[in-house]
Amino acid sequence: MADRAIDSIAVSLPFDPYLSLRALATYSALSVRKLRDYLNDPLHPLPCYRIGGKVLVRRSDFDAWIERFRSAGRADMAAIVDEVLTDLR
């Protein structure tokens, strides 16, 4: 039995690039100005990397950050009020 050498190996990593604000604006459909506002949001700032004057945002960080804004639709206020009143009785 002869020893066999591996000639090459392929490593598959998920693509998670660092995006400039301009590239992130294209990816997110938000304006660069709005993204800059979110960088300084006091409650939920957009995570970023600042290198010199350049701002970079990792795509996975943006995806996780934007999940906080996910909405499942408007709540039925009448049903909520009825449920609260039923619980109080």
C-alpha atoms as a PDB file:
ATOM      1  CA  MET A   1       0.000   0.000   0.000  1.00  0.00           C
ATOM      2  CA  ALA A   2       1.638   3.223  -1.159  1.00  0.00           C
ATOM      3  CA  ASP A   3       1.336   6.538   0.689  1.00  0.00           C
ATOM      4  CA  ARG A   4      -0.831   8.991  -1.152  1.00  0.00           C
ATOM      5  CA  ALA A   5      -0.312  12.722  -1.039  1.00  0.00           C
ATOM      6  CA  ILE A   6      -3.064  15.261  -1.263  1.00  0.00           C
ATOM      7  CA  ASP A   7      -2.438  17.549  -4.210  1.00  0.00           C
ATOM      8  CA  SER A   8      -4.954  20.204  -3.255  1.00  0.00           C
ATOM      9  CA  ILE A   9      -7.676  20.971  -0.791  1.00  0.00           C
ATOM     10  CA  ALA A  10     -10.683  23.221  -1.119  1.00  0.00           C
ATOM     11  CA  VAL A  11     -11.831  25.122   1.938  1.00  0.00           C
ATOM     12  CA  SER A  12     -15.349  26.422   1.806  1.00  0.00           C
ATOM     13  CA  LEU A  13     -16.094  29.373   4.052  1.00  0.00           C
ATOM     14  CA  PRO A  14     -19.290  31.369   4.184  1.00  0.00           C
ATOM     15  CA  PHE A  15     -18.919  34.671   2.365  1.00  0.00           C
ATOM     16  CA  ASP A  16     -19.081  37.412   5.011  1.00  0.00           C
ATOM     17  CA  PRO A  17     -17.463  40.524   3.555  1.00  0.00           C
ATOM     18  CA  TYR A  18     -16.725  43.872   5.123  1.00  0.00           C
ATOM     19  CA  LEU A  19     -18.835  46.454   3.289  1.00  0.00           C
ATOM     20  CA  SER A  20     -18.224  50.163   2.857  1.00  0.00           C
ATOM     21  CA  LEU A  21     -21.224  52.350   3.607  1.00  0.00           C
ATOM     22  CA  ARG A  22     -21.794  52.773  -0.113  1.00  0.00           C
ATOM     23  CA  ALA A  23     -21.788  48.994  -0.675  1.00  0.00           C
ATOM     24  CA  LEU A  24     -23.979  48.507   2.400  1.00  0.00           C
ATOM     25  CA  ALA A  25     -26.413  51.080   1.044  1.00  0.00           C
ATOM     26  CA  THR A  26     -26.765  48.998  -2.112  1.00  0.00           C
ATOM     27  CA  TYR A  27     -27.112  45.775  -0.123  1.00  0.00           C
ATOM     28  CA  SER A  28     -29.652  47.178   2.347  1.00  0.00           C
ATOM     29  CA  ALA A  29     -31.605  49.626   0.149  1.00  0.00           C
ATOM     30  CA  LEU A  30     -30.933  52.307   2.791  1.00  0.00           C
ATOM     31  CA  SER A  31     -29.173  55.566   2.004  1.00  0.00           C
ATOM     32  CA  VAL A  32     -25.607  56.231   3.108  1.00  0.00           C
ATOM     33  CA  ARG A  33     -26.950  59.179   5.120  1.00  0.00           C
ATOM     34  CA  LYS A  34     -29.439  56.951   6.972  1.00  0.00           C
ATOM     35  CA  LEU A  35     -26.720  54.359   7.646  1.00  0.00           C
ATOM     36  CA  ARG A  36     -24.511  57.120   9.120  1.00  0.00           C
ATOM     37  CA  ASP A  37     -27.416  58.094  11.374  1.00  0.00           C
ATOM     38  CA  TYR A  38     -27.696  54.486  12.539  1.00  0.00           C
ATOM     39  CA  LEU A  39     -23.966  54.365  13.359  1.00  0.00           C
ATOM     40  CA  ASN A  40     -24.644  56.987  16.042  1.00  0.00           C
ATOM     41  CA  ASP A  41     -28.042  55.724  17.222  1.00  0.00           C
ATOM     42  CA  PRO A  42     -27.974  55.925  21.052  1.00  0.00           C
ATOM     43  CA  LEU A  43     -30.181  52.848  21.598  1.00  0.00           C
ATOM     44  CA  HIS A  44     -29.175  50.441  18.824  1.00  0.00           C
ATOM     45  CA  PRO A  45     -26.046  51.652  17.035  1.00  0.00           C
ATOM     46  CA  LEU A  46     -25.058  49.855  13.865  1.00  0.00           C
ATOM     47  CA  PRO A  47     -21.848  47.917  14.679  1.00  0.00           C
ATOM     48  CA  CYS A  48     -18.935  48.966  12.523  1.00  0.00           C
ATOM     49  CA  TYR A  49     -15.173  49.088  12.183  1.00  0.00           C
ATOM     50  CA  ARG A  50     -13.496  52.488  11.797  1.00  0.00           C
ATOM     51  CA  ILE A  51     -10.125  52.380  10.114  1.00  0.00           C
ATOM     52  CA  GLY A  52      -8.771  55.856   9.673  1.00  0.00           C
ATOM     53  CA  GLY A  53     -11.635  57.711   8.027  1.00  0.00           C
ATOM     54  CA  LYS A  54     -13.125  54.566   6.495  1.00  0.00           C
ATOM     55  CA  VAL A  55     -16.200  52.893   8.004  1.00  0.00           C
ATOM     56  CA  LEU A  56     -16.718  49.197   7.319  1.00  0.00           C
ATOM     57  CA  VAL A  57     -19.614  47.002   8.376  1.00  0.00           C
ATOM     58  CA  ARG A  58     -19.464  43.226   8.281  1.00  0.00           C
ATOM     59  CA  ARG A  59     -22.460  41.862   6.403  1.00  0.00           C
ATOM     60  CA  SER A  60     -23.345  39.344   9.141  1.00  0.00           C
ATOM     61  CA  ASP A  61     -23.222  42.123  11.769  1.00  0.00           C
ATOM     62  CA  PHE A  62     -25.635  44.198   9.681  1.00  0.00           C
ATOM     63  CA  ASP A  63     -27.966  41.225   9.180  1.00  0.00           C
ATOM     64  CA  ALA A  64     -28.051  40.548  12.943  1.00  0.00           C
ATOM     65  CA  TRP A  65     -28.506  44.254  13.739  1.00  0.00           C
ATOM     66  CA  ILE A  66     -31.408  44.743  11.322  1.00  0.00           C
ATOM     67  CA  GLU A  67     -33.301  41.757  12.798  1.00  0.00           C
ATOM     68  CA  ARG A  68     -34.149  44.043  15.756  1.00  0.00           C
ATOM     69  CA  PHE A  69     -36.351  46.032  13.399  1.00  0.00           C
ATOM     70  CA  ARG A  70     -38.312  43.043  12.118  1.00  0.00           C
ATOM     71  CA  SER A  71     -42.053  43.470  12.325  1.00  0.00           C
ATOM     72  CA  ALA A  72     -44.634  40.727  12.082  1.00  0.00           C
ATOM     73  CA  GLY A  73     -47.488  43.075  11.337  1.00  0.00           C
ATOM     74  CA  ARG A  74     -49.708  45.308  13.380  1.00  0.00           C
ATOM     75  CA  ALA A  75     -51.188  43.944  16.568  1.00  0.00           C
ATOM     76  CA  ASP A  76     -54.967  43.745  16.801  1.00  0.00           C
ATOM     77  CA  MET A  77     -55.513  46.298  19.578  1.00  0.00           C
ATOM     78  CA  ALA A  78     -59.129  45.273  20.182  1.00  0.00           C
ATOM     79  CA  ALA A  79     -58.086  41.662  20.773  1.00  0.00           C
ATOM     80  CA  ILE A  80     -55.323  42.757  23.155  1.00  0.00           C
ATOM     81  CA  VAL A  81     -57.723  44.956  25.155  1.00  0.00           C
ATOM     82  CA  ASP A  82     -60.296  42.158  25.326  1.00  0.00           C
ATOM     83  CA  GLU A  83     -57.645  39.706  26.545  1.00  0.00           C
ATOM     84  CA  VAL A  84     -56.434  42.101  29.258  1.00  0.00           C
ATOM     85  CA  LEU A  85     -60.002  42.792  30.410  1.00  0.00           C
ATOM     86  CA  THR A  86     -60.785  39.086  30.499  1.00  0.00           C
ATOM     87  CA  ASP A  87     -57.699  38.480  32.647  1.00  0.00           C
ATOM     88  CA  LEU A  88     -58.778  41.236  35.057  1.00  0.00           C
ATOM     89  CA  ARG A  89     -62.231  39.728  35.618  1.00  0.00           C
END
